[in-house]
Structure formats: C-alpha cells, structure tokens
Amino acid sequence: MSSYALHLRRWRLAIALTAAVAAIYFGFILLIAYRQELMGRLLVPGLTVGILLGALVIVLSWLLTWYYVRWANAHFDTRLEELRREAVR
C-alpha cells in the first residue's frame, strides 16, 4: 500500500467517524429542541430519557475515539513506520 492509499484510508475513516459523532450530537440537540415531552419522560425517579441520552452521547463519542486510536495504532502507525523504513533503504 502506498502512502497515498494509506492517507486516503485514514481520511475516509476520519470523515466517517466525524460524521457519526456529528449525527449523534445534532440528533440529540434536535430531540431536545423538538421532542421535549420525550426527553422529559421519567424512566425511573431521578432519571429522564434526556439525561440517559446525554450520557450516551458522551459514551458513544468516547467509544468512537477509542476505535480510531486502536485503528491508528494497529494499522496506520504500523504501516507508516514500514513506509519510512522502505524510504530509508
């Protein structure tokens, strides 16, 4: 795989994960704006749908970030190091 192909893979993954985080965040904001009755519904005393979804937005953002870091460490960084070694030869 060339450095350009590696760059494209990284770029595609970064765009996909950015789009996922944006969709999650803006979906949550739209629910707050247009579905207040749903977001205010009590699940158990002290816990509403809005609080639960807000926590899920944070957790999903962390998970997507963790996925990207794992992918970058396992694939991108390893291949980049191989390309650097090949360039030195």
PDB file of N, CA and C in Angstrom:
ATOM      1  N   MET A   1       0.849  -1.175   0.000  1.00  0.00           N
ATOM      2  CA  MET A   1       0.000   0.000   0.000  1.00  0.00           C
ATOM      3  C   MET A   1       0.895   1.239   0.000  1.00  0.00           C
ATOM      4  N   SER A   2       0.590   2.160  -0.856  1.00  0.00           N
ATOM      5  CA  SER A   2       1.378   3.385  -0.954  1.00  0.00           C
ATOM      6  C   SER A   2       0.994   4.347   0.163  1.00  0.00           C
ATOM      7  N   SER A   3       1.796   5.361   0.334  1.00  0.00           N
ATOM      8  CA  SER A   3       1.496   6.360   1.366  1.00  0.00           C
ATOM      9  C   SER A   3       0.214   7.107   1.023  1.00  0.00           C
ATOM     10  N   TYR A   4      -0.020   7.309  -0.279  1.00  0.00           N
ATOM     11  CA  TYR A   4      -1.254   7.982  -0.688  1.00  0.00           C
ATOM     12  C   TYR A   4      -2.485   7.149  -0.340  1.00  0.00           C
ATOM     13  N   ALA A   5      -2.427   5.844  -0.611  1.00  0.00           N
ATOM     14  CA  ALA A   5      -3.550   4.952  -0.282  1.00  0.00           C
ATOM     15  C   ALA A   5      -3.777   4.912   1.225  1.00  0.00           C
ATOM     16  N   LEU A   6      -2.681   4.901   1.980  1.00  0.00           N
ATOM     17  CA  LEU A   6      -2.794   4.923   3.438  1.00  0.00           C
ATOM     18  C   LEU A   6      -3.445   6.218   3.907  1.00  0.00           C
ATOM     19  N   HIS A   7      -3.030   7.321   3.299  1.00  0.00           N
ATOM     20  CA  HIS A   7      -3.621   8.622   3.623  1.00  0.00           C
ATOM     21  C   HIS A   7      -5.124   8.621   3.333  1.00  0.00           C
ATOM     22  N   LEU A   8      -5.523   8.058   2.196  1.00  0.00           N
ATOM     23  CA  LEU A   8      -6.945   8.005   1.849  1.00  0.00           C
ATOM     24  C   LEU A   8      -7.746   7.161   2.829  1.00  0.00           C
ATOM     25  N   ARG A   9      -7.182   6.019   3.246  1.00  0.00           N
ATOM     26  CA  ARG A   9      -7.889   5.169   4.226  1.00  0.00           C
ATOM     27  C   ARG A   9      -8.106   5.940   5.525  1.00  0.00           C
ATOM     28  N   ARG A  10      -7.049   6.606   5.987  1.00  0.00           N
ATOM     29  CA  ARG A  10      -7.145   7.376   7.231  1.00  0.00           C
ATOM     30  C   ARG A  10      -8.160   8.509   7.081  1.00  0.00           C
ATOM     31  N   TRP A  11      -8.125   9.196   5.946  1.00  0.00           N
ATOM     32  CA  TRP A  11      -9.046  10.300   5.692  1.00  0.00           C
ATOM     33  C   TRP A  11     -10.497   9.817   5.674  1.00  0.00           C
ATOM     34  N   ARG A  12     -10.759   8.701   4.982  1.00  0.00           N
ATOM     35  CA  ARG A  12     -12.123   8.158   4.921  1.00  0.00           C
ATOM     36  C   ARG A  12     -12.638   7.776   6.303  1.00  0.00           C
ATOM     37  N   LEU A  13     -11.793   7.127   7.089  1.00  0.00           N
ATOM     38  CA  LEU A  13     -12.204   6.737   8.433  1.00  0.00           C
ATOM     39  C   LEU A  13     -12.462   7.968   9.298  1.00  0.00           C
ATOM     40  N   ALA A  14     -11.589   8.946   9.206  1.00  0.00           N
ATOM     41  CA  ALA A  14     -11.769  10.174   9.997  1.00  0.00           C
ATOM     42  C   ALA A  14     -13.066  10.887   9.622  1.00  0.00           C
ATOM     43  N   ILE A  15     -13.367  10.962   8.343  1.00  0.00           N
ATOM     44  CA  ILE A  15     -14.616  11.605   7.897  1.00  0.00           C
ATOM     45  C   ILE A  15     -15.832  10.813   8.375  1.00  0.00           C
ATOM     46  N   ALA A  16     -15.780   9.495   8.262  1.00  0.00           N
ATOM     47  CA  ALA A  16     -16.907   8.661   8.701  1.00  0.00           C
ATOM     48  C   ALA A  16     -17.148   8.799  10.199  1.00  0.00           C
ATOM     49  N   LEU A  17     -16.085   8.776  10.984  1.00  0.00           N
ATOM     50  CA  LEU A  17     -16.251   8.900  12.431  1.00  0.00           C
ATOM     51  C   LEU A  17     -16.696  10.302  12.825  1.00  0.00           C
ATOM     52  N   THR A  18     -16.198  11.316  12.132  1.00  0.00           N
ATOM     53  CA  THR A  18     -16.642  12.688  12.391  1.00  0.00           C
ATOM     54  C   THR A  18     -18.122  12.838  12.072  1.00  0.00           C
ATOM     55  N   ALA A  19     -18.550  12.265  10.964  1.00  0.00           N
ATOM     56  CA  ALA A  19     -19.971  12.312  10.593  1.00  0.00           C
ATOM     57  C   ALA A  19     -20.827  11.585  11.633  1.00  0.00           C
ATOM     58  N   ALA A  20     -20.336  10.465  12.128  1.00  0.00           N
ATOM     59  CA  ALA A  20     -21.083   9.714  13.145  1.00  0.00           C
ATOM     60  C   ALA A  20     -21.238  10.531  14.418  1.00  0.00           C
ATOM     61  N   VAL A  21     -20.158  11.154  14.877  1.00  0.00           N
ATOM     62  CA  VAL A  21     -20.226  11.962  16.096  1.00  0.00           C
ATOM     63  C   VAL A  21     -21.151  13.159  15.880  1.00  0.00           C
ATOM     64  N   ALA A  22     -21.043  13.801  14.714  1.00  0.00           N
ATOM     65  CA  ALA A  22     -21.914  14.950  14.428  1.00  0.00           C
ATOM     66  C   ALA A  22     -23.382  14.528  14.392  1.00  0.00           C
ATOM     67  N   ALA A  23     -23.672  13.390  13.769  1.00  0.00           N
ATOM     68  CA  ALA A  23     -25.058  12.903  13.702  1.00  0.00           C
ATOM     69  C   ALA A  23     -25.600  12.599  15.095  1.00  0.00           C
ATOM     70  N   ILE A  24     -24.784  11.983  15.923  1.00  0.00           N
ATOM     71  CA  ILE A  24     -25.200  11.670  17.292  1.00  0.00           C
ATOM     72  C   ILE A  24     -25.484  12.953  18.063  1.00  0.00           C
ATOM     73  N   TYR A  25     -24.541  13.886  18.009  1.00  0.00           N
ATOM     74  CA  TYR A  25     -24.676  15.136  18.756  1.00  0.00           C
ATOM     75  C   TYR A  25     -25.868  15.955  18.264  1.00  0.00           C
ATOM     76  N   PHE A  26     -25.950  16.184  16.944  1.00  0.00           N
ATOM     77  CA  PHE A  26     -27.036  17.014  16.428  1.00  0.00           C
ATOM     78  C   PHE A  26     -28.388  16.309  16.536  1.00  0.00           C
ATOM     79  N   GLY A  27     -28.400  14.984  16.454  1.00  0.00           N
ATOM     80  CA  GLY A  27     -29.647  14.258  16.706  1.00  0.00           C
ATOM     81  C   GLY A  27     -30.140  14.491  18.122  1.00  0.00           C
ATOM     82  N   PHE A  28     -29.211  14.469  19.070  1.00  0.00           N
ATOM     83  CA  PHE A  28     -29.563  14.745  20.463  1.00  0.00           C
ATOM     84  C   PHE A  28     -30.096  16.173  20.618  1.00  0.00           C
ATOM     85  N   ILE A  29     -29.429  17.138  20.004  1.00  0.00           N
ATOM     86  CA  ILE A  29     -29.868  18.535  20.081  1.00  0.00           C
ATOM     87  C   ILE A  29     -31.247  18.703  19.446  1.00  0.00           C
ATOM     88  N   LEU A  30     -31.482  18.036  18.325  1.00  0.00           N
ATOM     89  CA  LEU A  30     -32.802  18.130  17.690  1.00  0.00           C
ATOM     90  C   LEU A  30     -33.895  17.512  18.564  1.00  0.00           C
ATOM     91  N   LEU A  31     -33.566  16.421  19.241  1.00  0.00           N
ATOM     92  CA  LEU A  31     -34.547  15.845  20.174  1.00  0.00           C
ATOM     93  C   LEU A  31     -34.864  16.820  21.305  1.00  0.00           C
ATOM     94  N   ILE A  32     -33.850  17.487  21.806  1.00  0.00           N
ATOM     95  CA  ILE A  32     -34.076  18.483  22.863  1.00  0.00           C
ATOM     96  C   ILE A  32     -34.972  19.610  22.343  1.00  0.00           C
ATOM     97  N   ALA A  33     -34.730  20.046  21.109  1.00  0.00           N
ATOM     98  CA  ALA A  33     -35.474  21.176  20.558  1.00  0.00           C
ATOM     99  C   ALA A  33     -36.916  20.823  20.205  1.00  0.00           C
ATOM    100  N   TYR A  34     -37.124  19.633  19.659  1.00  0.00           N
ATOM    101  CA  TYR A  34     -38.446  19.329  19.103  1.00  0.00           C
ATOM    102  C   TYR A  34     -39.228  18.236  19.817  1.00  0.00           C
ATOM    103  N   ARG A  35     -38.606  17.541  20.744  1.00  0.00           N
ATOM    104  CA  ARG A  35     -39.313  16.471  21.440  1.00  0.00           C
ATOM    105  C   ARG A  35     -39.117  16.575  22.956  1.00  0.00           C
ATOM    106  N   GLN A  36     -39.415  17.748  23.494  1.00  0.00           N
ATOM    107  CA  GLN A  36     -39.218  17.967  24.922  1.00  0.00           C
ATOM    108  C   GLN A  36     -39.998  16.966  25.774  1.00  0.00           C
ATOM    109  N   GLU A  37     -41.204  16.623  25.318  1.00  0.00           N
ATOM    110  CA  GLU A  37     -42.020  15.687  26.106  1.00  0.00           C
ATOM    111  C   GLU A  37     -41.347  14.318  26.195  1.00  0.00           C
ATOM    112  N   LEU A  38     -40.698  13.893  25.120  1.00  0.00           N
ATOM    113  CA  LEU A  38     -39.978  12.627  25.149  1.00  0.00           C
ATOM    114  C   LEU A  38     -38.751  12.723  26.048  1.00  0.00           C
ATOM    115  N   MET A  39     -37.996  13.794  25.901  1.00  0.00           N
ATOM    116  CA  MET A  39     -36.755  13.942  26.660  1.00  0.00           C
ATOM    117  C   MET A  39     -37.022  14.114  28.165  1.00  0.00           C
ATOM    118  N   GLY A  40     -38.187  14.649  28.502  1.00  0.00           N
ATOM    119  CA  GLY A  40     -38.528  14.854  29.905  1.00  0.00           C
ATOM    120  C   GLY A  40     -39.205  13.661  30.565  1.00  0.00           C
ATOM    121  N   ARG A  41     -39.478  12.616  29.799  1.00  0.00           N
ATOM    122  CA  ARG A  41     -40.157  11.446  30.343  1.00  0.00           C
ATOM    123  C   ARG A  41     -39.272  10.734  31.362  1.00  0.00           C
ATOM    124  N   LEU A  42     -39.857  10.444  32.522  1.00  0.00           N
ATOM    125  CA  LEU A  42     -39.120   9.751  33.577  1.00  0.00           C
ATOM    126  C   LEU A  42     -39.015   8.267  33.270  1.00  0.00           C
ATOM    127  N   LEU A  43     -37.812   7.737  33.391  1.00  0.00           N
ATOM    128  CA  LEU A  43     -37.614   6.291  33.277  1.00  0.00           C
ATOM    129  C   LEU A  43     -37.699   5.658  34.652  1.00  0.00           C
ATOM    130  N   VAL A  44     -36.971   6.233  35.564  1.00  0.00           N
ATOM    131  CA  VAL A  44     -37.030   5.893  36.993  1.00  0.00           C
ATOM    132  C   VAL A  44     -36.896   7.212  37.728  1.00  0.00           C
ATOM    133  N   PRO A  45     -37.276   7.262  38.994  1.00  0.00           N
ATOM    134  CA  PRO A  45     -37.150   8.539  39.714  1.00  0.00           C
ATOM    135  C   PRO A  45     -35.727   9.096  39.627  1.00  0.00           C
ATOM    136  N   GLY A  46     -35.618  10.342  39.128  1.00  0.00           N
ATOM    137  CA  GLY A  46     -34.325  11.000  39.006  1.00  0.00           C
ATOM    138  C   GLY A  46     -33.617  10.775  37.689  1.00  0.00           C
ATOM    139  N   LEU A  47     -34.191   9.951  36.793  1.00  0.00           N
ATOM    140  CA  LEU A  47     -33.549   9.677  35.509  1.00  0.00           C
ATOM    141  C   LEU A  47     -34.555   9.849  34.381  1.00  0.00           C
ATOM    142  N   THR A  48     -34.299  10.842  33.530  1.00  0.00           N
ATOM    143  CA  THR A  48     -35.163  11.072  32.379  1.00  0.00           C
ATOM    144  C   THR A  48     -34.502  10.501  31.127  1.00  0.00           C
ATOM    145  N   VAL A  49     -35.282  10.427  30.067  1.00  0.00           N
ATOM    146  CA  VAL A  49     -34.757   9.982  28.777  1.00  0.00           C
ATOM    147  C   VAL A  49     -33.645  10.929  28.326  1.00  0.00           C
ATOM    148  N   GLY A  50     -33.831  12.231  28.554  1.00  0.00           N
ATOM    149  CA  GLY A  50     -32.838  13.224  28.150  1.00  0.00           C
ATOM    150  C   GLY A  50     -31.494  13.026  28.840  1.00  0.00           C
ATOM    151  N   ILE A  51     -31.519  12.764  30.134  1.00  0.00           N
ATOM    152  CA  ILE A  51     -30.270  12.535  30.874  1.00  0.00           C
ATOM    153  C   ILE A  51     -29.595  11.267  30.372  1.00  0.00           C
ATOM    154  N   LEU A  52     -30.360  10.219  30.164  1.00  0.00           N
ATOM    155  CA  LEU A  52     -29.795   8.968  29.664  1.00  0.00           C
ATOM    156  C   LEU A  52     -29.181   9.149  28.275  1.00  0.00           C
ATOM    157  N   LEU A  53     -29.907   9.817  27.379  1.00  0.00           N
ATOM    158  CA  LEU A  53     -29.375  10.036  26.034  1.00  0.00           C
ATOM    159  C   LEU A  53     -28.161  10.956  26.054  1.00  0.00           C
ATOM    160  N   GLY A  54     -28.157  11.957  26.934  1.00  0.00           N
ATOM    161  CA  GLY A  54     -26.990  12.830  27.068  1.00  0.00           C
ATOM    162  C   GLY A  54     -25.753  12.055  27.490  1.00  0.00           C
ATOM    163  N   ALA A  55     -25.926  11.145  28.433  1.00  0.00           N
ATOM    164  CA  ALA A  55     -24.807  10.300  28.856  1.00  0.00           C
ATOM    165  C   ALA A  55     -24.373   9.384  27.713  1.00  0.00           C
ATOM    166  N   LEU A  56     -25.320   8.869  26.959  1.00  0.00           N
ATOM    167  CA  LEU A  56     -24.980   8.002  25.819  1.00  0.00           C
ATOM    168  C   LEU A  56     -24.214   8.754  24.733  1.00  0.00           C
ATOM    169  N   VAL A  57     -24.549  10.029  24.525  1.00  0.00           N
ATOM    170  CA  VAL A  57     -23.808  10.849  23.558  1.00  0.00           C
ATOM    171  C   VAL A  57     -22.340  10.909  23.963  1.00  0.00           C
ATOM    172  N   ILE A  58     -22.083  11.136  25.229  1.00  0.00           N
ATOM    173  CA  ILE A  58     -20.703  11.211  25.725  1.00  0.00           C
ATOM    174  C   ILE A  58     -20.009   9.867  25.587  1.00  0.00           C
ATOM    175  N   VAL A  59     -20.664   8.802  26.008  1.00  0.00           N
ATOM    176  CA  VAL A  59     -20.062   7.468  25.949  1.00  0.00           C
ATOM    177  C   VAL A  59     -19.794   7.058  24.500  1.00  0.00           C
ATOM    178  N   LEU A  60     -20.734   7.304  23.603  1.00  0.00           N
ATOM    179  CA  LEU A  60     -20.522   6.956  22.199  1.00  0.00           C
ATOM    180  C   LEU A  60     -19.373   7.753  21.582  1.00  0.00           C
ATOM    181  N   SER A  61     -19.235   9.012  21.964  1.00  0.00           N
ATOM    182  CA  SER A  61     -18.102   9.808  21.474  1.00  0.00           C
ATOM    183  C   SER A  61     -16.785   9.216  21.950  1.00  0.00           C
ATOM    184  N   TRP A  62     -16.731   8.816  23.211  1.00  0.00           N
ATOM    185  CA  TRP A  62     -15.516   8.173  23.738  1.00  0.00           C
ATOM    186  C   TRP A  62     -15.224   6.868  23.000  1.00  0.00           C
ATOM    187  N   LEU A  63     -16.262   6.068  22.765  1.00  0.00           N
ATOM    188  CA  LEU A  63     -16.068   4.785  22.089  1.00  0.00           C
ATOM    189  C   LEU A  63     -15.571   4.964  20.652  1.00  0.00           C
ATOM    190  N   LEU A  64     -16.118   5.942  19.952  1.00  0.00           N
ATOM    191  CA  LEU A  64     -15.667   6.193  18.586  1.00  0.00           C
ATOM    192  C   LEU A  64     -14.226   6.706  18.574  1.00  0.00           C
ATOM    193  N   THR A  65     -13.876   7.525  19.547  1.00  0.00           N
ATOM    194  CA  THR A  65     -12.493   7.990  19.670  1.00  0.00           C
ATOM    195  C   THR A  65     -11.570   6.820  19.977  1.00  0.00           C
ATOM    196  N   TRP A  66     -11.972   5.959  20.888  1.00  0.00           N
ATOM    197  CA  TRP A  66     -11.185   4.773  21.239  1.00  0.00           C
ATOM    198  C   TRP A  66     -10.992   3.895  20.002  1.00  0.00           C
ATOM    199  N   TYR A  67     -12.037   3.718  19.213  1.00  0.00           N
ATOM    200  CA  TYR A  67     -11.935   2.906  18.000  1.00  0.00           C
ATOM    201  C   TYR A  67     -10.902   3.509  17.044  1.00  0.00           C
ATOM    202  N   TYR A  68     -10.948   4.815  16.858  1.00  0.00           N
ATOM    203  CA  TYR A  68      -9.997   5.450  15.957  1.00  0.00           C
ATOM    204  C   TYR A  68      -8.559   5.284  16.461  1.00  0.00           C
ATOM    205  N   VAL A  69      -8.336   5.457  17.740  1.00  0.00           N
ATOM    206  CA  VAL A  69      -6.997   5.307  18.307  1.00  0.00           C
ATOM    207  C   VAL A  69      -6.509   3.877  18.122  1.00  0.00           C
ATOM    208  N   ARG A  70      -7.374   2.901  18.381  1.00  0.00           N
ATOM    209  CA  ARG A  70      -6.987   1.494  18.166  1.00  0.00           C
ATOM    210  C   ARG A  70      -6.645   1.230  16.716  1.00  0.00           C
ATOM    211  N   TRP A  71      -7.482   1.719  15.811  1.00  0.00           N
ATOM    212  CA  TRP A  71      -7.222   1.528  14.386  1.00  0.00           C
ATOM    213  C   TRP A  71      -5.908   2.197  13.989  1.00  0.00           C
ATOM    214  N   ALA A  72      -5.703   3.432  14.417  1.00  0.00           N
ATOM    215  CA  ALA A  72      -4.482   4.152  14.057  1.00  0.00           C
ATOM    216  C   ALA A  72      -3.247   3.443  14.599  1.00  0.00           C
ATOM    217  N   ASN A  73      -3.303   2.963  15.825  1.00  0.00           N
ATOM    218  CA  ASN A  73      -2.151   2.265  16.403  1.00  0.00           C
ATOM    219  C   ASN A  73      -1.884   0.941  15.697  1.00  0.00           C
ATOM    220  N   ALA A  74      -2.923   0.225  15.345  1.00  0.00           N
ATOM    221  CA  ALA A  74      -2.756  -1.110  14.756  1.00  0.00           C
ATOM    222  C   ALA A  74      -2.456  -1.058  13.263  1.00  0.00           C
ATOM    223  N   HIS A  75      -3.022  -0.108  12.540  1.00  0.00           N
ATOM    224  CA  HIS A  75      -2.906  -0.103  11.087  1.00  0.00           C
ATOM    225  C   HIS A  75      -2.079   1.066  10.562  1.00  0.00           C
ATOM    226  N   PHE A  76      -2.526   2.263  10.889  1.00  0.00           N
ATOM    227  CA  PHE A  76      -1.903   3.447  10.308  1.00  0.00           C
ATOM    228  C   PHE A  76      -0.451   3.616  10.753  1.00  0.00           C
ATOM    229  N   ASP A  77      -0.221   3.629  12.054  1.00  0.00           N
ATOM    230  CA  ASP A  77       1.137   3.850  12.561  1.00  0.00           C
ATOM    231  C   ASP A  77       2.095   2.744  12.126  1.00  0.00           C
ATOM    232  N   THR A  78       1.617   1.505  12.146  1.00  0.00           N
ATOM    233  CA  THR A  78       2.457   0.381  11.747  1.00  0.00           C
ATOM    234  C   THR A  78       2.862   0.497  10.278  1.00  0.00           C
ATOM    235  N   ARG A  79       1.892   0.757   9.432  1.00  0.00           N
ATOM    236  CA  ARG A  79       2.178   0.868   8.000  1.00  0.00           C
ATOM    237  C   ARG A  79       3.023   2.100   7.701  1.00  0.00           C
ATOM    238  N   LEU A  80       2.775   3.187   8.402  1.00  0.00           N
ATOM    239  CA  LEU A  80       3.568   4.393   8.199  1.00  0.00           C
ATOM    240  C   LEU A  80       5.036   4.144   8.551  1.00  0.00           C
ATOM    241  N   GLU A  81       5.259   3.426   9.620  1.00  0.00           N
ATOM    242  CA  GLU A  81       6.627   3.083  10.005  1.00  0.00           C
ATOM    243  C   GLU A  81       7.288   2.195   8.947  1.00  0.00           C
ATOM    244  N   GLU A  82       6.545   1.250   8.389  1.00  0.00           N
ATOM    245  CA  GLU A  82       7.084   0.402   7.313  1.00  0.00           C
ATOM    246  C   GLU A  82       7.458   1.248   6.096  1.00  0.00           C
ATOM    247  N   LEU A  83       6.606   2.206   5.742  1.00  0.00           N
ATOM    248  CA  LEU A  83       6.895   3.070   4.601  1.00  0.00           C
ATOM    249  C   LEU A  83       8.147   3.914   4.863  1.00  0.00           C
ATOM    250  N   ARG A  84       8.304   4.385   6.082  1.00  0.00           N
ATOM    251  CA  ARG A  84       9.511   5.160   6.430  1.00  0.00           C
ATOM    252  C   ARG A  84      10.773   4.307   6.318  1.00  0.00           C
ATOM    253  N   ARG A  85      10.682   3.075   6.800  1.00  0.00           N
ATOM    254  CA  ARG A  85      11.833   2.182   6.697  1.00  0.00           C
ATOM    255  C   ARG A  85      12.178   1.891   5.242  1.00  0.00           C
ATOM    256  N   GLU A  86      11.150   1.695   4.405  1.00  0.00           N
ATOM    257  CA  GLU A  86      11.386   1.444   2.987  1.00  0.00           C
ATOM    258  C   GLU A  86      12.020   2.653   2.306  1.00  0.00           C
ATOM    259  N   ALA A  87      11.634   3.852   2.716  1.00  0.00           N
ATOM    260  CA  ALA A  87      12.168   5.069   2.117  1.00  0.00           C
ATOM    261  C   ALA A  87      13.637   5.271   2.461  1.00  0.00           C
ATOM    262  N   VAL A  88      14.049   4.810   3.625  1.00  0.00           N
ATOM    263  CA  VAL A  88      15.434   4.954   4.058  1.00  0.00           C
ATOM    264  C   VAL A  88      16.350   4.037   3.258  1.00  0.00           C
ATOM    265  N   ARG A  89      15.853   2.867   2.893  1.00  0.00           N
ATOM    266  CA  ARG A  89      16.671   1.892   2.146  1.00  0.00           C
ATOM    267  C   ARG A  89      17.056   2.370   0.807  1.00  0.00           C
TER     268      ARG A  89
END
